[in-house]
Amino acid sequence: MRRTARSDRAAPRHRRRTHRLALGRLAVVLALVWLATWFGPAPADAHTNLRSAVPAPNSSTKGAPAQVQLHFGQPTVPDDRTHVSVLLPSGRDVARGAAVAGGFGVAQRLAETRVRGWYRVRYSVVFVDGHVGSGVFRFRVTTFDKAAPNHWKWVWIAAGGWGVYLAYVLLRHGRQLPALAPVTQPPPRE
C-alpha cells in the first residue's frame, strides 16, 4: 500500500513538470515566431506599396485637382497595363488620356469638375521588374473657391473717370493752362 500511496502523490508532481515544460517550449516557439515576423526578410512585394500621392490618401482638398500623382518605392515603366482611374461619388470616371509613367511615379490628368465628395483612385502600375502593383485610395473634395473677379470692369470705370476729369479741366481751364495756350509765331524775317 505504501507504494501506491507514494505513486499517487508523485503523479501530480510529474504532470506539473511536464505541463511546465510544454508551456516553456510553447513560449519559446511563440517568441521565435514573433522575432521572425518582425526581423525576418521583407515580403517581395513591399516596394509596390504606394509611398505618397498628390492629393494624399484620406485627405481633404479645396476644389478638384487637375491631376493625380502617385509615387512608389520602385521605378515604373510605361506599359499598356498601367492604368489610373479617378471616380466621382456618382461613379463617373474623370481620368483623361493615358497615365504617364516614369521614374518612381505615375501621373494622370483629370477632367475639370465641380463635384464635392469622396473621390476614389484605382491604379494598376507596371514596375521595372515586370510585376504589376495595384491599389485603391480615396480623397475628399470639400469646397470650391468662387470664380476670380473680373478686374477689367474696374479698369474701364477708372479710365472713364479720368476721361471725364480731363474733359472738365480742358473745357473749364483750357485757355489758362500754359501748356495749352496758343503759341504765337514770330513775324517772318525778310
Protein backbone atom coordinates (compact mmCIF):
# COMPACT_ATOMS: atom_id res chain seq x y z
CA MET A 1 0.00 0.00 0.00
CA ARG A 2 2.73 2.35 0.69
CA ARG A 3 3.91 2.12 -2.84
CA THR A 4 0.58 3.03 -4.30
CA ALA A 5 0.11 5.96 -1.95
CA ARG A 6 3.53 7.29 -2.91
CA SER A 7 2.98 6.83 -6.59
CA ASP A 8 -0.36 8.65 -6.28
CA ARG A 9 1.39 11.58 -4.66
CA ALA A 10 4.21 11.59 -7.21
CA ALA A 11 1.87 11.55 -10.21
CA PRO A 12 0.58 15.15 -9.85
CA ARG A 13 4.15 16.45 -9.47
CA HIS A 14 5.22 14.68 -12.63
CA ARG A 15 2.23 16.08 -14.54
CA ARG A 16 3.03 19.56 -13.30
CA ARG A 17 6.62 19.25 -14.51
CA THR A 18 5.64 18.07 -17.98
CA HIS A 19 2.97 20.75 -18.14
CA ARG A 20 5.58 23.42 -17.25
CA LEU A 21 7.98 22.07 -19.86
CA ALA A 22 5.26 22.14 -22.52
CA LEU A 23 4.34 25.75 -21.64
CA GLY A 24 8.02 26.74 -21.70
CA ARG A 25 8.51 25.19 -25.13
CA LEU A 26 5.36 26.90 -26.41
CA ALA A 27 6.62 30.25 -25.11
CA VAL A 28 9.98 29.76 -26.86
CA VAL A 29 8.28 28.84 -30.15
CA LEU A 30 5.97 31.88 -29.94
CA ALA A 31 8.93 34.15 -29.19
CA LEU A 32 10.83 32.78 -32.21
CA VAL A 33 7.81 33.25 -34.47
CA TRP A 34 7.41 36.82 -33.22
CA LEU A 35 11.10 37.58 -33.86
CA ALA A 36 10.96 36.04 -37.34
CA THR A 37 7.88 38.11 -38.14
CA TRP A 38 9.43 41.41 -37.07
CA PHE A 39 13.06 40.89 -38.07
CA GLY A 40 12.79 38.39 -40.91
CA PRO A 41 13.02 39.20 -44.62
CA ALA A 42 10.50 41.68 -46.02
CA PRO A 43 7.86 40.41 -48.41
CA ALA A 44 8.80 40.52 -52.09
CA ASP A 45 6.04 42.99 -52.98
CA ALA A 46 6.89 45.55 -50.28
CA HIS A 47 8.13 48.02 -52.92
CA THR A 48 4.77 48.05 -54.72
CA ASN A 49 3.21 49.94 -51.85
CA LEU A 50 2.20 53.48 -52.60
CA ARG A 51 4.72 55.74 -50.84
CA SER A 52 2.85 59.01 -51.36
CA ALA A 53 0.26 60.65 -53.59
CA VAL A 54 -1.00 64.10 -54.50
CA PRO A 55 -3.71 64.52 -53.27
CA ALA A 56 -2.76 62.36 -50.31
CA PRO A 57 -4.90 59.35 -49.37
CA ASN A 58 -7.76 60.23 -46.98
CA SER A 59 -7.02 63.95 -47.27
CA SER A 60 -9.37 66.87 -47.96
CA THR A 61 -8.76 69.38 -50.73
CA LYS A 62 -10.34 72.64 -51.79
CA GLY A 63 -11.50 72.13 -55.34
CA ALA A 64 -10.96 69.17 -57.62
CA PRO A 65 -7.32 68.62 -58.65
CA ALA A 66 -6.21 68.91 -62.28
CA GLN A 67 -4.19 65.68 -61.95
CA VAL A 68 -3.34 62.83 -59.59
CA GLN A 69 0.30 61.90 -58.91
CA LEU A 70 1.35 58.56 -57.41
CA HIS A 71 4.86 57.87 -56.01
CA PHE A 72 6.22 54.34 -55.44
CA GLY A 73 9.34 52.73 -53.96
CA GLN A 74 10.48 51.20 -57.27
CA PRO A 75 10.80 52.70 -60.76
CA THR A 76 7.78 52.40 -63.01
CA VAL A 77 7.81 51.82 -66.77
CA PRO A 78 5.37 52.93 -69.47
CA ASP A 79 3.15 49.97 -70.35
CA ASP A 80 -0.36 49.33 -71.67
CA ARG A 81 -1.24 47.69 -68.34
CA THR A 82 -0.57 50.94 -66.43
CA HIS A 83 -3.94 52.48 -65.69
CA VAL A 84 -5.27 55.07 -63.23
CA SER A 85 -8.97 55.84 -62.80
CA VAL A 86 -10.45 58.56 -60.62
CA LEU A 87 -14.11 58.01 -59.79
CA LEU A 88 -16.50 60.70 -58.62
CA PRO A 89 -19.01 59.91 -55.86
CA SER A 90 -21.53 59.15 -58.64
CA GLY A 91 -19.15 56.55 -60.12
CA ARG A 92 -18.19 58.54 -63.25
CA ASP A 93 -14.50 58.31 -64.23
CA VAL A 94 -12.86 61.73 -64.73
CA ALA A 95 -9.41 60.47 -65.85
CA ARG A 96 -8.47 61.91 -69.25
CA GLY A 97 -5.88 60.38 -71.55
CA ALA A 98 -3.38 57.70 -70.70
CA ALA A 99 -1.49 57.62 -67.41
CA VAL A 100 2.12 58.81 -67.74
CA ALA A 101 4.62 56.53 -66.00
CA GLY A 102 8.23 57.42 -65.46
CA GLY A 103 10.82 57.46 -62.72
CA PHE A 104 9.26 56.44 -59.43
CA GLY A 105 5.78 57.69 -60.21
CA VAL A 106 2.68 57.88 -62.36
CA ALA A 107 0.63 60.95 -63.25
CA GLN A 108 -2.96 61.05 -64.54
CA ARG A 109 -4.70 64.16 -65.93
CA LEU A 110 -8.31 64.75 -64.84
CA ALA A 111 -11.29 66.43 -66.45
CA GLU A 112 -12.48 69.65 -64.86
CA THR A 113 -15.31 69.02 -62.43
CA ARG A 114 -17.08 70.83 -59.60
CA VAL A 115 -18.41 67.83 -57.67
CA ARG A 116 -17.90 67.64 -53.90
CA GLY A 117 -17.46 64.39 -52.00
CA TRP A 118 -15.13 61.39 -51.80
CA TYR A 119 -13.17 60.62 -54.98
CA ARG A 120 -11.84 57.06 -55.37
CA VAL A 121 -8.47 56.47 -57.10
CA ARG A 122 -7.79 52.99 -58.53
CA TYR A 123 -4.42 52.27 -60.03
CA SER A 124 -2.59 49.44 -61.74
CA VAL A 125 1.11 50.12 -62.40
CA VAL A 126 3.87 48.12 -64.11
CA PHE A 127 7.27 48.22 -62.40
CA VAL A 128 10.78 47.78 -63.81
CA ASP A 129 10.99 44.11 -62.82
CA GLY A 130 7.77 43.40 -64.77
CA HIS A 131 5.31 42.80 -61.99
CA VAL A 132 2.08 44.77 -61.69
CA GLY A 133 1.12 46.57 -58.50
CA SER A 134 -2.39 47.82 -57.86
CA GLY A 135 -4.36 49.53 -55.16
CA VAL A 136 -7.16 51.89 -54.20
CA PHE A 137 -7.33 55.01 -52.07
CA ARG A 138 -9.66 57.96 -51.72
CA PHE A 139 -9.56 61.69 -51.07
CA ARG A 140 -12.27 64.26 -50.40
CA VAL A 141 -13.13 67.47 -52.24
CA THR A 142 -14.78 69.81 -49.73
CA THR A 143 -15.33 73.25 -51.28
CA PHE A 144 -14.75 75.25 -54.41
CA ASP A 145 -13.41 78.77 -54.49
CA LYS A 146 -15.50 81.41 -56.21
CA ALA A 147 -14.52 82.41 -59.73
CA ALA A 148 -11.92 85.15 -59.88
CA PRO A 149 -13.49 88.61 -60.13
CA ASN A 150 -13.37 90.45 -63.44
CA HIS A 151 -10.92 93.28 -62.76
CA TRP A 152 -11.31 94.79 -66.24
CA LYS A 153 -14.64 96.26 -65.20
CA TRP A 154 -12.84 98.42 -62.60
CA VAL A 155 -10.12 99.38 -65.08
CA TRP A 156 -12.73 100.72 -67.51
CA ILE A 157 -14.59 102.57 -64.74
CA ALA A 158 -11.34 104.22 -63.58
CA ALA A 159 -10.35 105.12 -67.16
CA GLY A 160 -13.79 106.63 -67.73
CA GLY A 161 -13.48 108.69 -64.55
CA TRP A 162 -10.11 110.04 -65.61
CA GLY A 163 -11.50 110.82 -69.06
CA VAL A 164 -14.38 112.84 -67.57
CA TYR A 165 -11.96 114.72 -65.31
CA LEU A 166 -9.61 115.52 -68.19
CA ALA A 167 -12.50 116.80 -70.33
CA TYR A 168 -13.65 119.04 -67.48
CA VAL A 169 -10.17 120.50 -66.96
CA LEU A 170 -9.74 121.18 -70.67
CA LEU A 171 -13.12 122.81 -71.09
CA ARG A 172 -13.05 124.84 -67.92
CA HIS A 173 -9.41 125.87 -67.67
CA GLY A 174 -8.04 125.12 -71.13
CA ARG A 175 -7.03 128.67 -72.01
CA GLN A 176 -5.42 129.24 -68.62
CA LEU A 177 -3.06 126.30 -68.85
CA PRO A 178 0.32 127.44 -70.20
CA ALA A 179 0.91 124.19 -71.97
CA LEU A 180 -2.38 124.54 -73.83
CA ALA A 181 -2.14 128.31 -74.62
CA PRO A 182 -1.83 129.12 -78.32
CA VAL A 183 1.73 129.75 -79.38
CA THR A 184 2.24 132.99 -81.28
CA GLN A 185 4.50 132.79 -84.26
CA PRO A 186 7.16 135.45 -84.60
CA PRO A 187 6.86 137.54 -87.79
CA PRO A 188 8.92 136.25 -90.67
CA ARG A 189 12.25 137.96 -91.29
CA GLU A 190 12.95 139.49 -94.57
